[in-house]
């Protein structure tokens, strides 16, 4: 069974790992990754909860000889919002041998007399990463985009090879696809333009 983290020590340990990949307090639009993560690819956010994506992720983690991954809710905050209401954090360690059904059950789980706060519904921005600290995913449900970043090309190639060929595309292409599918407001187009700039290879933060 996959459980919410509920100890402050566990929360601090996982958050310290998070900070090795993601900049504190920086959202997906601005480029959330620390400076060593300069290689990016994008995907449709909803795929993150699919069985195919989960299987690909597990295959990649197996290549790394990893024990599993961390599912970390960034928005609403795991500490201020979730812990305050439910005395647990909207974070979990997902073991590499955890079945997909267990993962889905965890994401659908009522954290405490509030079914609407199940992570599948309430987690707007999420991060996924592992203890190896050489890759990371950030995804926004509202913007319908997920971005994976890597420290090196080998990690990127190993990662992408574990998924169907059409799963990942460059950031610009994903944003253009959204523009074509949805009649976006000028405000959303500005946000997309910022994302495209901030995840280009020319961008230095």
N, C-alpha and C. Protein backbone atom coordinates (compact mmCIF):
# COMPACT_ATOMS: atom_id res chain seq x y z
N UNK A 1 0.84 -1.21 0.00
CA UNK A 1 0.00 0.00 0.00
C UNK A 1 0.88 1.26 0.00
N UNK A 2 0.46 2.24 -0.78
CA UNK A 2 1.18 3.52 -0.85
C UNK A 2 0.53 4.47 0.14
N UNK A 3 1.33 5.09 0.98
CA UNK A 3 0.79 5.95 2.03
C UNK A 3 1.29 7.39 1.92
N UNK A 4 0.45 8.31 2.38
CA UNK A 4 0.89 9.70 2.53
C UNK A 4 2.01 9.75 3.57
N UNK A 5 3.01 10.59 3.35
CA UNK A 5 3.99 10.82 4.40
C UNK A 5 3.30 11.54 5.56
N UNK A 6 3.65 11.15 6.79
CA UNK A 6 3.01 11.83 7.92
C UNK A 6 4.00 12.28 8.99
N UNK A 7 5.30 12.04 8.79
CA UNK A 7 6.26 12.49 9.79
C UNK A 7 7.04 13.70 9.26
N UNK A 8 7.32 14.63 10.15
CA UNK A 8 8.04 15.85 9.77
C UNK A 8 9.44 15.51 9.26
N UNK A 9 10.07 14.51 9.85
CA UNK A 9 11.41 14.11 9.42
C UNK A 9 11.40 13.60 7.98
N UNK A 10 10.42 12.75 7.68
CA UNK A 10 10.27 12.25 6.31
C UNK A 10 10.02 13.40 5.34
N UNK A 11 9.15 14.30 5.74
CA UNK A 11 8.83 15.47 4.91
C UNK A 11 10.10 16.28 4.64
N UNK A 12 10.89 16.53 5.67
CA UNK A 12 12.12 17.32 5.51
C UNK A 12 13.12 16.61 4.60
N UNK A 13 13.25 15.30 4.77
CA UNK A 13 14.20 14.54 3.94
C UNK A 13 13.82 14.60 2.47
N UNK A 14 12.54 14.37 2.19
CA UNK A 14 12.08 14.38 0.80
C UNK A 14 12.16 15.78 0.21
N UNK A 15 11.84 16.78 1.02
CA UNK A 15 11.89 18.17 0.55
C UNK A 15 13.33 18.59 0.26
N UNK A 16 14.28 18.11 1.03
CA UNK A 16 15.69 18.40 0.75
C UNK A 16 16.12 17.82 -0.59
N UNK A 17 15.63 16.61 -0.90
CA UNK A 17 15.91 16.03 -2.21
C UNK A 17 15.25 16.85 -3.32
N UNK A 18 14.01 17.24 -3.09
CA UNK A 18 13.28 18.08 -4.06
C UNK A 18 14.10 19.32 -4.43
N UNK A 19 14.71 19.93 -3.44
CA UNK A 19 15.46 21.18 -3.66
C UNK A 19 16.75 20.97 -4.45
N UNK A 20 17.17 19.69 -4.60
CA UNK A 20 18.34 19.41 -5.45
C UNK A 20 17.97 19.43 -6.93
N UNK A 21 16.67 19.42 -7.20
CA UNK A 21 16.20 19.39 -8.60
C UNK A 21 15.39 20.63 -8.95
N UNK A 22 14.55 21.08 -8.00
CA UNK A 22 13.62 22.18 -8.27
C UNK A 22 13.95 23.40 -7.41
N UNK A 23 13.84 24.56 -8.00
CA UNK A 23 14.08 25.80 -7.26
C UNK A 23 12.89 26.10 -6.35
N UNK A 24 13.18 26.47 -5.15
CA UNK A 24 12.14 26.69 -4.16
C UNK A 24 11.27 27.89 -4.54
N UNK A 25 9.95 27.67 -4.51
CA UNK A 25 9.03 28.77 -4.73
C UNK A 25 8.90 29.23 -6.18
N UNK A 26 9.50 28.48 -7.11
CA UNK A 26 9.43 28.86 -8.53
C UNK A 26 8.46 27.94 -9.24
N UNK A 27 7.51 28.52 -9.97
CA UNK A 27 6.50 27.66 -10.59
C UNK A 27 6.92 27.18 -11.98
N UNK A 28 6.08 26.38 -12.58
CA UNK A 28 6.41 25.74 -13.85
C UNK A 28 6.65 26.75 -14.96
N UNK A 29 5.96 27.89 -14.92
CA UNK A 29 6.09 28.88 -15.99
C UNK A 29 7.50 29.47 -16.03
N UNK A 30 8.05 29.73 -14.86
CA UNK A 30 9.34 30.44 -14.78
C UNK A 30 10.56 29.55 -15.02
N UNK A 31 10.38 28.27 -15.10
CA UNK A 31 11.40 27.24 -15.14
C UNK A 31 11.79 26.87 -13.72
N UNK A 32 11.22 25.79 -13.28
CA UNK A 32 11.32 25.38 -11.88
C UNK A 32 12.62 24.64 -11.56
N UNK A 33 13.40 24.29 -12.57
CA UNK A 33 14.56 23.43 -12.34
C UNK A 33 15.81 24.21 -11.95
N UNK A 34 16.63 23.60 -11.09
CA UNK A 34 17.91 24.22 -10.73
C UNK A 34 18.83 24.21 -11.94
N UNK A 35 19.92 24.96 -11.85
CA UNK A 35 20.71 25.27 -13.05
C UNK A 35 21.38 24.07 -13.71
N UNK A 36 21.61 22.98 -12.98
CA UNK A 36 22.26 21.81 -13.59
C UNK A 36 21.33 21.03 -14.51
N UNK A 37 20.04 21.32 -14.45
CA UNK A 37 19.05 20.61 -15.27
C UNK A 37 18.72 21.47 -16.48
N UNK A 38 19.33 21.14 -17.62
CA UNK A 38 19.25 22.02 -18.79
C UNK A 38 18.65 21.34 -20.02
N UNK A 39 18.26 20.07 -19.90
CA UNK A 39 17.71 19.33 -21.03
C UNK A 39 16.23 19.08 -20.73
N UNK A 40 15.36 19.43 -21.69
CA UNK A 40 13.92 19.38 -21.42
C UNK A 40 13.17 18.62 -22.50
N UNK A 41 12.09 17.97 -22.09
CA UNK A 41 11.12 17.43 -23.03
C UNK A 41 9.74 17.56 -22.38
N UNK A 42 8.70 17.56 -23.20
CA UNK A 42 7.35 17.84 -22.68
C UNK A 42 6.39 16.72 -23.04
N UNK A 43 5.26 16.72 -22.35
CA UNK A 43 4.22 15.72 -22.62
C UNK A 43 2.87 16.25 -22.15
N UNK A 44 1.83 15.57 -22.54
CA UNK A 44 0.46 15.91 -22.14
C UNK A 44 0.26 15.51 -20.67
N UNK A 45 -0.13 16.45 -19.84
CA UNK A 45 -0.18 16.22 -18.39
C UNK A 45 -0.97 14.97 -18.01
N UNK A 46 -2.12 14.77 -18.61
CA UNK A 46 -2.99 13.66 -18.20
C UNK A 46 -2.33 12.28 -18.35
N UNK A 47 -1.33 12.20 -19.24
CA UNK A 47 -0.65 10.91 -19.42
C UNK A 47 0.04 10.45 -18.14
N UNK A 48 0.35 11.39 -17.27
CA UNK A 48 1.10 11.07 -16.06
C UNK A 48 0.37 10.06 -15.18
N UNK A 49 -0.95 9.97 -15.33
CA UNK A 49 -1.74 9.07 -14.50
C UNK A 49 -2.14 7.79 -15.25
N UNK A 50 -1.60 7.61 -16.45
CA UNK A 50 -1.97 6.45 -17.25
C UNK A 50 -1.10 5.24 -16.89
N UNK A 51 -1.65 4.07 -17.17
CA UNK A 51 -0.90 2.82 -16.90
C UNK A 51 0.37 2.74 -17.74
N UNK A 52 0.27 3.19 -19.00
CA UNK A 52 1.44 3.16 -19.89
C UNK A 52 2.57 4.03 -19.35
N UNK A 53 2.22 5.22 -18.88
CA UNK A 53 3.25 6.13 -18.35
C UNK A 53 3.87 5.53 -17.09
N UNK A 54 3.03 4.99 -16.24
CA UNK A 54 3.51 4.38 -14.99
C UNK A 54 4.47 3.22 -15.29
N UNK A 55 4.13 2.40 -16.29
CA UNK A 55 4.99 1.29 -16.67
C UNK A 55 6.32 1.79 -17.22
N UNK A 56 6.27 2.82 -18.05
CA UNK A 56 7.50 3.40 -18.60
C UNK A 56 8.39 3.95 -17.50
N UNK A 57 7.77 4.62 -16.55
CA UNK A 57 8.52 5.19 -15.42
C UNK A 57 9.21 4.08 -14.62
N UNK A 58 8.48 3.00 -14.38
CA UNK A 58 9.06 1.88 -13.63
C UNK A 58 10.20 1.22 -14.40
N UNK A 59 10.07 1.12 -15.71
CA UNK A 59 11.15 0.56 -16.53
C UNK A 59 12.41 1.42 -16.45
N UNK A 60 12.21 2.73 -16.49
CA UNK A 60 13.34 3.66 -16.36
C UNK A 60 14.00 3.54 -14.99
N UNK A 61 13.19 3.50 -13.95
CA UNK A 61 13.73 3.37 -12.59
C UNK A 61 14.49 2.06 -12.42
N UNK A 62 14.01 1.03 -13.09
CA UNK A 62 14.70 -0.26 -13.05
C UNK A 62 16.10 -0.13 -13.67
N UNK A 63 16.19 0.63 -14.77
CA UNK A 63 17.50 0.88 -15.39
C UNK A 63 18.45 1.58 -14.44
N UNK A 64 17.90 2.44 -13.60
CA UNK A 64 18.71 3.19 -12.63
C UNK A 64 19.01 2.37 -11.38
N UNK A 65 18.43 1.18 -11.29
CA UNK A 65 18.48 0.37 -10.05
C UNK A 65 17.92 1.17 -8.88
N UNK A 66 16.86 1.94 -9.18
CA UNK A 66 16.23 2.79 -8.18
C UNK A 66 15.19 2.02 -7.38
N UNK A 67 14.95 2.47 -6.16
CA UNK A 67 13.94 1.83 -5.30
C UNK A 67 12.53 2.29 -5.63
N UNK A 68 12.40 3.42 -6.34
CA UNK A 68 11.09 3.95 -6.67
C UNK A 68 11.14 5.44 -6.88
N UNK A 69 9.99 6.09 -6.83
CA UNK A 69 9.96 7.53 -7.05
C UNK A 69 9.14 8.23 -5.96
N UNK A 70 9.31 9.53 -5.92
CA UNK A 70 8.55 10.39 -5.00
C UNK A 70 7.47 11.11 -5.79
N UNK A 71 6.25 11.05 -5.32
CA UNK A 71 5.16 11.88 -5.84
C UNK A 71 4.98 13.02 -4.85
N UNK A 72 5.18 14.25 -5.31
CA UNK A 72 5.23 15.42 -4.41
C UNK A 72 4.28 16.50 -4.94
N UNK A 73 3.28 16.85 -4.17
CA UNK A 73 2.35 17.90 -4.58
C UNK A 73 2.93 19.27 -4.22
N UNK A 74 3.08 20.11 -5.25
CA UNK A 74 3.62 21.46 -5.05
C UNK A 74 2.52 22.49 -4.81
N UNK A 75 1.41 22.33 -5.53
CA UNK A 75 0.26 23.23 -5.39
C UNK A 75 -1.00 22.38 -5.39
N UNK A 76 -1.86 22.50 -4.34
CA UNK A 76 -1.68 23.27 -3.09
C UNK A 76 -0.50 22.70 -2.27
N UNK A 77 0.08 23.53 -1.45
CA UNK A 77 1.29 23.13 -0.75
C UNK A 77 1.06 21.95 0.18
N UNK A 78 2.05 21.07 0.20
CA UNK A 78 1.96 19.87 1.04
C UNK A 78 1.96 20.22 2.51
N UNK A 79 2.65 21.29 2.85
CA UNK A 79 2.83 21.64 4.26
C UNK A 79 1.70 22.54 4.75
N UNK A 80 1.59 23.73 4.17
CA UNK A 80 0.62 24.72 4.66
C UNK A 80 -0.82 24.26 4.45
N UNK A 81 -1.12 23.72 3.28
CA UNK A 81 -2.51 23.35 3.00
C UNK A 81 -2.83 21.94 3.50
N UNK A 82 -2.15 20.95 2.96
CA UNK A 82 -2.56 19.57 3.18
C UNK A 82 -2.33 19.13 4.63
N UNK A 83 -1.15 19.40 5.14
CA UNK A 83 -0.86 18.96 6.51
C UNK A 83 -1.77 19.68 7.52
N UNK A 84 -2.02 20.93 7.24
CA UNK A 84 -2.89 21.73 8.13
C UNK A 84 -4.28 21.11 8.25
N UNK A 85 -4.79 20.59 7.14
CA UNK A 85 -6.15 20.04 7.13
C UNK A 85 -6.22 18.57 7.51
N UNK A 86 -5.17 17.80 7.17
CA UNK A 86 -5.30 16.34 7.28
C UNK A 86 -4.21 15.67 8.12
N UNK A 87 -3.30 16.47 8.69
CA UNK A 87 -2.20 15.94 9.52
C UNK A 87 -1.37 14.90 8.77
N UNK A 88 -1.23 15.09 7.48
CA UNK A 88 -0.35 14.28 6.64
C UNK A 88 0.04 15.14 5.44
N UNK A 89 1.03 14.69 4.73
CA UNK A 89 1.53 15.47 3.59
C UNK A 89 1.06 14.86 2.28
N UNK A 90 0.81 15.70 1.28
CA UNK A 90 0.35 15.22 -0.02
C UNK A 90 1.55 14.76 -0.86
N UNK A 91 2.28 13.84 -0.27
CA UNK A 91 3.54 13.32 -0.81
C UNK A 91 3.55 11.82 -0.52
N UNK A 92 4.15 11.04 -1.42
CA UNK A 92 4.29 9.61 -1.15
C UNK A 92 5.56 9.08 -1.79
N UNK A 93 6.12 8.07 -1.15
CA UNK A 93 7.16 7.26 -1.80
C UNK A 93 6.46 6.10 -2.49
N UNK A 94 6.72 5.95 -3.79
CA UNK A 94 6.09 4.88 -4.56
C UNK A 94 7.18 3.87 -4.91
N UNK A 95 7.11 2.70 -4.31
CA UNK A 95 8.13 1.67 -4.53
C UNK A 95 8.06 1.14 -5.96
N UNK A 96 9.20 0.74 -6.48
CA UNK A 96 9.26 0.29 -7.88
C UNK A 96 8.38 -0.93 -8.12
N UNK A 97 8.12 -1.71 -7.07
CA UNK A 97 7.28 -2.90 -7.25
C UNK A 97 5.81 -2.65 -6.92
N UNK A 98 5.43 -1.38 -6.68
CA UNK A 98 4.03 -1.06 -6.38
C UNK A 98 3.18 -1.21 -7.64
N UNK A 99 2.11 -2.02 -7.59
CA UNK A 99 1.25 -2.17 -8.77
C UNK A 99 0.55 -0.86 -9.13
N UNK A 100 0.23 -0.75 -10.41
CA UNK A 100 -0.47 0.45 -10.90
C UNK A 100 -1.77 0.68 -10.14
N UNK A 101 -2.50 -0.38 -9.82
CA UNK A 101 -3.76 -0.23 -9.09
C UNK A 101 -3.56 0.41 -7.73
N UNK A 102 -2.44 0.10 -7.07
CA UNK A 102 -2.14 0.72 -5.78
C UNK A 102 -1.88 2.22 -5.95
N UNK A 103 -1.18 2.56 -7.02
CA UNK A 103 -0.89 3.96 -7.33
C UNK A 103 -2.19 4.73 -7.56
N UNK A 104 -3.09 4.15 -8.34
CA UNK A 104 -4.37 4.80 -8.61
C UNK A 104 -5.21 4.92 -7.34
N UNK A 105 -5.18 3.87 -6.53
CA UNK A 105 -5.94 3.91 -5.27
C UNK A 105 -5.44 5.04 -4.38
N UNK A 106 -4.12 5.20 -4.33
CA UNK A 106 -3.54 6.29 -3.54
C UNK A 106 -3.99 7.65 -4.07
N UNK A 107 -3.94 7.84 -5.38
CA UNK A 107 -4.29 9.13 -5.97
C UNK A 107 -5.78 9.46 -5.81
N UNK A 108 -6.61 8.42 -5.73
CA UNK A 108 -8.05 8.62 -5.54
C UNK A 108 -8.46 8.67 -4.06
N UNK A 109 -7.52 8.43 -3.17
CA UNK A 109 -7.88 8.24 -1.76
C UNK A 109 -8.35 9.54 -1.10
N UNK A 110 -9.42 9.43 -0.36
CA UNK A 110 -9.92 10.53 0.46
C UNK A 110 -8.94 10.71 1.64
N UNK A 111 -8.31 11.89 1.76
CA UNK A 111 -7.32 12.06 2.84
C UNK A 111 -7.95 12.23 4.22
N UNK A 112 -9.27 12.43 4.28
CA UNK A 112 -9.93 12.58 5.57
C UNK A 112 -11.21 13.38 5.48
N UNK A 113 -12.32 12.70 5.22
CA UNK A 113 -13.64 13.34 5.12
C UNK A 113 -13.67 14.50 4.11
N UNK A 114 -12.91 14.33 3.04
CA UNK A 114 -12.89 15.36 2.00
C UNK A 114 -12.49 14.74 0.66
N UNK A 115 -13.41 13.99 0.03
CA UNK A 115 -13.09 13.30 -1.23
C UNK A 115 -12.55 14.24 -2.31
N UNK A 116 -12.99 15.50 -2.30
CA UNK A 116 -12.53 16.47 -3.31
C UNK A 116 -11.04 16.76 -3.19
N UNK A 117 -10.45 16.43 -2.03
CA UNK A 117 -9.02 16.67 -1.84
C UNK A 117 -8.16 15.47 -2.23
N UNK A 118 -8.76 14.42 -2.79
CA UNK A 118 -7.95 13.34 -3.35
C UNK A 118 -6.99 13.94 -4.37
N UNK A 119 -5.76 13.44 -4.40
CA UNK A 119 -4.72 14.10 -5.20
C UNK A 119 -5.03 14.12 -6.69
N UNK A 120 -5.73 13.11 -7.17
CA UNK A 120 -6.06 13.10 -8.60
C UNK A 120 -6.90 14.32 -8.96
N UNK A 121 -7.71 14.80 -8.03
CA UNK A 121 -8.57 15.96 -8.28
C UNK A 121 -7.91 17.28 -7.86
N UNK A 122 -7.21 17.24 -6.74
CA UNK A 122 -6.80 18.49 -6.10
C UNK A 122 -5.36 18.89 -6.37
N UNK A 123 -4.51 17.97 -6.76
CA UNK A 123 -3.10 18.32 -6.99
C UNK A 123 -2.99 19.06 -8.31
N UNK A 124 -2.77 20.36 -8.25
CA UNK A 124 -2.70 21.18 -9.47
C UNK A 124 -1.30 21.08 -10.09
N UNK A 125 -0.28 21.29 -9.27
CA UNK A 125 1.09 21.19 -9.76
C UNK A 125 1.81 20.11 -8.97
N UNK A 126 2.41 19.18 -9.68
CA UNK A 126 3.07 18.05 -9.00
C UNK A 126 4.50 17.90 -9.51
N UNK A 127 5.32 17.28 -8.66
CA UNK A 127 6.69 16.91 -9.06
C UNK A 127 6.86 15.42 -8.84
N UNK A 128 7.63 14.80 -9.71
CA UNK A 128 7.99 13.39 -9.58
C UNK A 128 9.50 13.29 -9.78
N UNK A 129 10.16 12.56 -8.91
CA UNK A 129 11.62 12.43 -9.00
C UNK A 129 12.04 11.22 -8.19
N UNK A 130 13.32 10.88 -8.25
CA UNK A 130 13.83 9.76 -7.47
C UNK A 130 15.10 10.17 -6.74
N UNK A 131 15.58 9.29 -5.87
CA UNK A 131 16.75 9.61 -5.04
C UNK A 131 18.03 9.82 -5.84
N UNK A 132 18.01 9.40 -7.12
CA UNK A 132 19.23 9.56 -7.94
C UNK A 132 19.50 11.03 -8.27
N UNK A 133 18.45 11.86 -8.25
CA UNK A 133 18.57 13.32 -8.42
C UNK A 133 19.21 13.73 -9.75
N UNK A 134 18.89 12.97 -10.81
CA UNK A 134 19.44 13.30 -12.14
C UNK A 134 18.33 13.56 -13.16
N UNK A 135 17.09 13.46 -12.71
CA UNK A 135 15.94 13.72 -13.57
C UNK A 135 14.80 14.22 -12.69
N UNK A 136 13.83 14.84 -13.30
CA UNK A 136 12.65 15.27 -12.55
C UNK A 136 11.53 15.67 -13.49
N UNK A 137 10.31 15.50 -13.01
CA UNK A 137 9.12 15.89 -13.77
C UNK A 137 8.38 16.96 -12.97
N UNK A 138 7.95 18.00 -13.66
CA UNK A 138 6.99 18.93 -13.07
C UNK A 138 5.80 19.00 -14.01
N UNK A 139 4.59 18.99 -13.46
CA UNK A 139 3.41 19.02 -14.30
C UNK A 139 2.34 19.93 -13.73
N UNK A 140 1.63 20.60 -14.63
CA UNK A 140 0.51 21.47 -14.24
C UNK A 140 -0.77 20.96 -14.87
N UNK A 141 -1.73 20.61 -14.01
CA UNK A 141 -3.03 20.16 -14.51
C UNK A 141 -3.73 21.29 -15.26
N UNK A 142 -3.72 22.50 -14.71
CA UNK A 142 -4.42 23.62 -15.34
C UNK A 142 -3.85 23.96 -16.72
N UNK A 143 -2.53 23.92 -16.85
CA UNK A 143 -1.89 24.27 -18.12
C UNK A 143 -1.80 23.08 -19.08
N UNK A 144 -2.14 21.88 -18.55
CA UNK A 144 -2.16 20.65 -19.36
C UNK A 144 -0.80 20.31 -19.95
N UNK A 145 0.24 20.63 -19.20
CA UNK A 145 1.59 20.33 -19.70
C UNK A 145 2.44 19.74 -18.58
N UNK A 146 3.25 18.75 -18.96
CA UNK A 146 4.26 18.21 -18.07
C UNK A 146 5.61 18.42 -18.72
N UNK A 147 6.63 18.70 -17.92
CA UNK A 147 7.98 18.90 -18.44
C UNK A 147 8.94 18.01 -17.65
N UNK A 148 9.77 17.27 -18.39
CA UNK A 148 10.79 16.43 -17.78
C UNK A 148 12.13 17.10 -18.04
N UNK A 149 12.98 17.14 -17.03
CA UNK A 149 14.32 17.70 -17.22
C UNK A 149 15.37 16.70 -16.74
N UNK A 150 16.54 16.80 -17.37
CA UNK A 150 17.62 15.85 -17.10
C UNK A 150 18.93 16.60 -16.94
N UNK A 151 19.85 15.97 -16.22
CA UNK A 151 21.18 16.53 -16.06
C UNK A 151 22.08 16.23 -17.25
N UNK A 152 21.79 15.16 -17.98
CA UNK A 152 22.67 14.77 -19.09
C UNK A 152 21.88 14.03 -20.16
N UNK A 153 22.46 13.95 -21.35
CA UNK A 153 21.79 13.34 -22.50
C UNK A 153 21.57 11.84 -22.31
N UNK A 154 22.51 11.16 -21.66
CA UNK A 154 22.33 9.72 -21.46
C UNK A 154 21.08 9.44 -20.65
N UNK A 155 20.87 10.20 -19.57
CA UNK A 155 19.68 10.00 -18.75
C UNK A 155 18.42 10.26 -19.57
N UNK A 156 18.46 11.33 -20.37
CA UNK A 156 17.30 11.64 -21.22
C UNK A 156 17.01 10.48 -22.18
N UNK A 157 18.05 9.98 -22.85
CA UNK A 157 17.86 8.90 -23.82
C UNK A 157 17.35 7.63 -23.14
N UNK A 158 17.91 7.32 -21.98
CA UNK A 158 17.45 6.14 -21.23
C UNK A 158 15.98 6.28 -20.84
N UNK A 159 15.61 7.48 -20.42
CA UNK A 159 14.24 7.76 -20.00
C UNK A 159 13.27 7.60 -21.17
N UNK A 160 13.54 8.31 -22.25
CA UNK A 160 12.62 8.33 -23.39
C UNK A 160 12.47 6.94 -24.02
N UNK A 161 13.54 6.15 -23.97
CA UNK A 161 13.50 4.81 -24.57
C UNK A 161 12.54 3.87 -23.84
N UNK A 162 12.13 4.24 -22.63
CA UNK A 162 11.23 3.39 -21.84
C UNK A 162 9.76 3.66 -22.12
N UNK A 163 9.46 4.62 -22.99
CA UNK A 163 8.08 5.01 -23.27
C UNK A 163 7.76 4.86 -24.75
N UNK A 164 6.47 4.90 -25.07
CA UNK A 164 6.05 4.91 -26.48
C UNK A 164 6.66 6.12 -27.18
N UNK A 165 6.92 5.93 -28.46
CA UNK A 165 7.63 6.95 -29.22
C UNK A 165 6.96 8.32 -29.20
N UNK A 166 5.60 8.30 -29.19
CA UNK A 166 4.90 9.60 -29.31
C UNK A 166 4.64 10.27 -27.95
N UNK A 167 5.15 9.70 -26.86
CA UNK A 167 4.84 10.25 -25.53
C UNK A 167 5.43 11.64 -25.33
N UNK A 168 6.67 11.84 -25.76
CA UNK A 168 7.37 13.10 -25.47
C UNK A 168 7.65 13.88 -26.74
N UNK A 169 7.48 15.20 -26.62
CA UNK A 169 7.77 16.11 -27.72
C UNK A 169 8.46 17.33 -27.12
N UNK A 170 9.04 18.16 -27.98
CA UNK A 170 9.71 19.33 -27.39
C UNK A 170 8.67 20.31 -26.84
N UNK A 171 9.12 21.15 -25.95
CA UNK A 171 8.21 22.03 -25.21
C UNK A 171 7.39 22.91 -26.16
N UNK A 172 8.04 23.50 -27.15
CA UNK A 172 7.33 24.36 -28.10
C UNK A 172 6.22 23.63 -28.83
N UNK A 173 6.50 22.40 -29.24
CA UNK A 173 5.49 21.62 -29.98
C UNK A 173 4.29 21.33 -29.10
N UNK A 174 4.52 20.98 -27.85
CA UNK A 174 3.40 20.73 -26.93
C UNK A 174 2.53 21.97 -26.78
N UNK A 175 3.16 23.12 -26.63
CA UNK A 175 2.40 24.36 -26.45
C UNK A 175 1.65 24.71 -27.73
N UNK A 176 2.28 24.50 -28.88
CA UNK A 176 1.60 24.77 -30.16
C UNK A 176 0.40 23.84 -30.36
N UNK A 177 0.57 22.57 -29.95
CA UNK A 177 -0.54 21.62 -30.04
C UNK A 177 -1.73 22.09 -29.21
N UNK A 178 -1.43 22.60 -28.01
CA UNK A 178 -2.50 23.10 -27.15
C UNK A 178 -3.18 24.31 -27.78
N UNK A 179 -2.38 25.18 -28.38
CA UNK A 179 -2.95 26.36 -29.05
C UNK A 179 -3.91 25.96 -30.15
N UNK A 180 -3.56 24.90 -30.86
CA UNK A 180 -4.40 24.45 -31.98
C UNK A 180 -5.67 23.75 -31.49
N UNK A 181 -5.53 22.99 -30.42
CA UNK A 181 -6.68 22.21 -29.91
C UNK A 181 -7.70 23.08 -29.17
N UNK A 182 -7.19 24.06 -28.45
CA UNK A 182 -8.04 24.87 -27.58
C UNK A 182 -8.03 26.31 -28.07
N UNK A 183 -9.13 26.96 -27.94
CA UNK A 183 -9.15 28.38 -28.31
C UNK A 183 -8.67 29.17 -27.11
N UNK A 184 -7.38 29.37 -27.04
CA UNK A 184 -6.77 29.94 -25.84
C UNK A 184 -6.99 31.45 -25.75
N UNK A 185 -7.10 31.92 -24.53
CA UNK A 185 -7.21 33.36 -24.30
C UNK A 185 -5.85 34.00 -24.53
N UNK A 186 -5.83 35.30 -24.82
CA UNK A 186 -4.54 36.00 -24.97
C UNK A 186 -3.65 35.83 -23.73
N UNK A 187 -4.29 35.80 -22.55
CA UNK A 187 -3.50 35.65 -21.31
C UNK A 187 -2.78 34.30 -21.27
N UNK A 188 -3.49 33.25 -21.69
CA UNK A 188 -2.87 31.91 -21.70
C UNK A 188 -1.76 31.85 -22.74
N UNK A 189 -1.96 32.50 -23.87
CA UNK A 189 -0.92 32.52 -24.91
C UNK A 189 0.34 33.22 -24.40
N UNK A 190 0.18 34.24 -23.59
CA UNK A 190 1.34 34.91 -23.00
C UNK A 190 2.08 33.96 -22.07
N UNK A 191 1.32 33.20 -21.27
CA UNK A 191 1.93 32.21 -20.36
C UNK A 191 2.69 31.17 -21.17
N UNK A 192 2.10 30.70 -22.27
CA UNK A 192 2.76 29.70 -23.11
C UNK A 192 4.05 30.26 -23.70
N UNK A 193 4.01 31.51 -24.10
CA UNK A 193 5.21 32.15 -24.65
C UNK A 193 6.32 32.21 -23.60
N UNK A 194 5.93 32.50 -22.37
CA UNK A 194 6.92 32.54 -21.28
C UNK A 194 7.52 31.16 -21.04
N UNK A 195 6.68 30.13 -21.05
CA UNK A 195 7.16 28.76 -20.85
C UNK A 195 8.15 28.40 -21.96
N UNK A 196 7.77 28.69 -23.21
CA UNK A 196 8.63 28.36 -24.35
C UNK A 196 10.00 29.02 -24.20
N UNK A 197 10.01 30.27 -23.80
CA UNK A 197 11.27 31.00 -23.61
C UNK A 197 12.08 30.42 -22.46
N UNK A 198 11.40 30.15 -21.36
CA UNK A 198 12.11 29.74 -20.14
C UNK A 198 12.64 28.31 -20.19
N UNK A 199 12.11 27.50 -21.12
CA UNK A 199 12.63 26.14 -21.27
C UNK A 199 13.38 25.96 -22.58
N UNK A 200 13.84 27.04 -23.15
CA UNK A 200 14.68 26.94 -24.35
C UNK A 200 16.12 26.74 -23.91
N UNK A 201 16.94 26.23 -24.79
CA UNK A 201 18.34 25.97 -24.44
C UNK A 201 19.14 27.26 -24.26
N UNK A 202 18.55 28.37 -24.70
CA UNK A 202 19.24 29.65 -24.56
C UNK A 202 19.04 30.25 -23.19
N UNK A 203 18.05 29.71 -22.49
CA UNK A 203 17.67 30.30 -21.19
C UNK A 203 18.68 29.93 -20.11
N UNK A 204 19.11 30.92 -19.37
CA UNK A 204 20.02 30.66 -18.24
C UNK A 204 19.43 31.33 -17.00
N UNK A 205 19.20 30.54 -15.95
CA UNK A 205 18.66 31.15 -14.74
C UNK A 205 19.71 31.15 -13.65
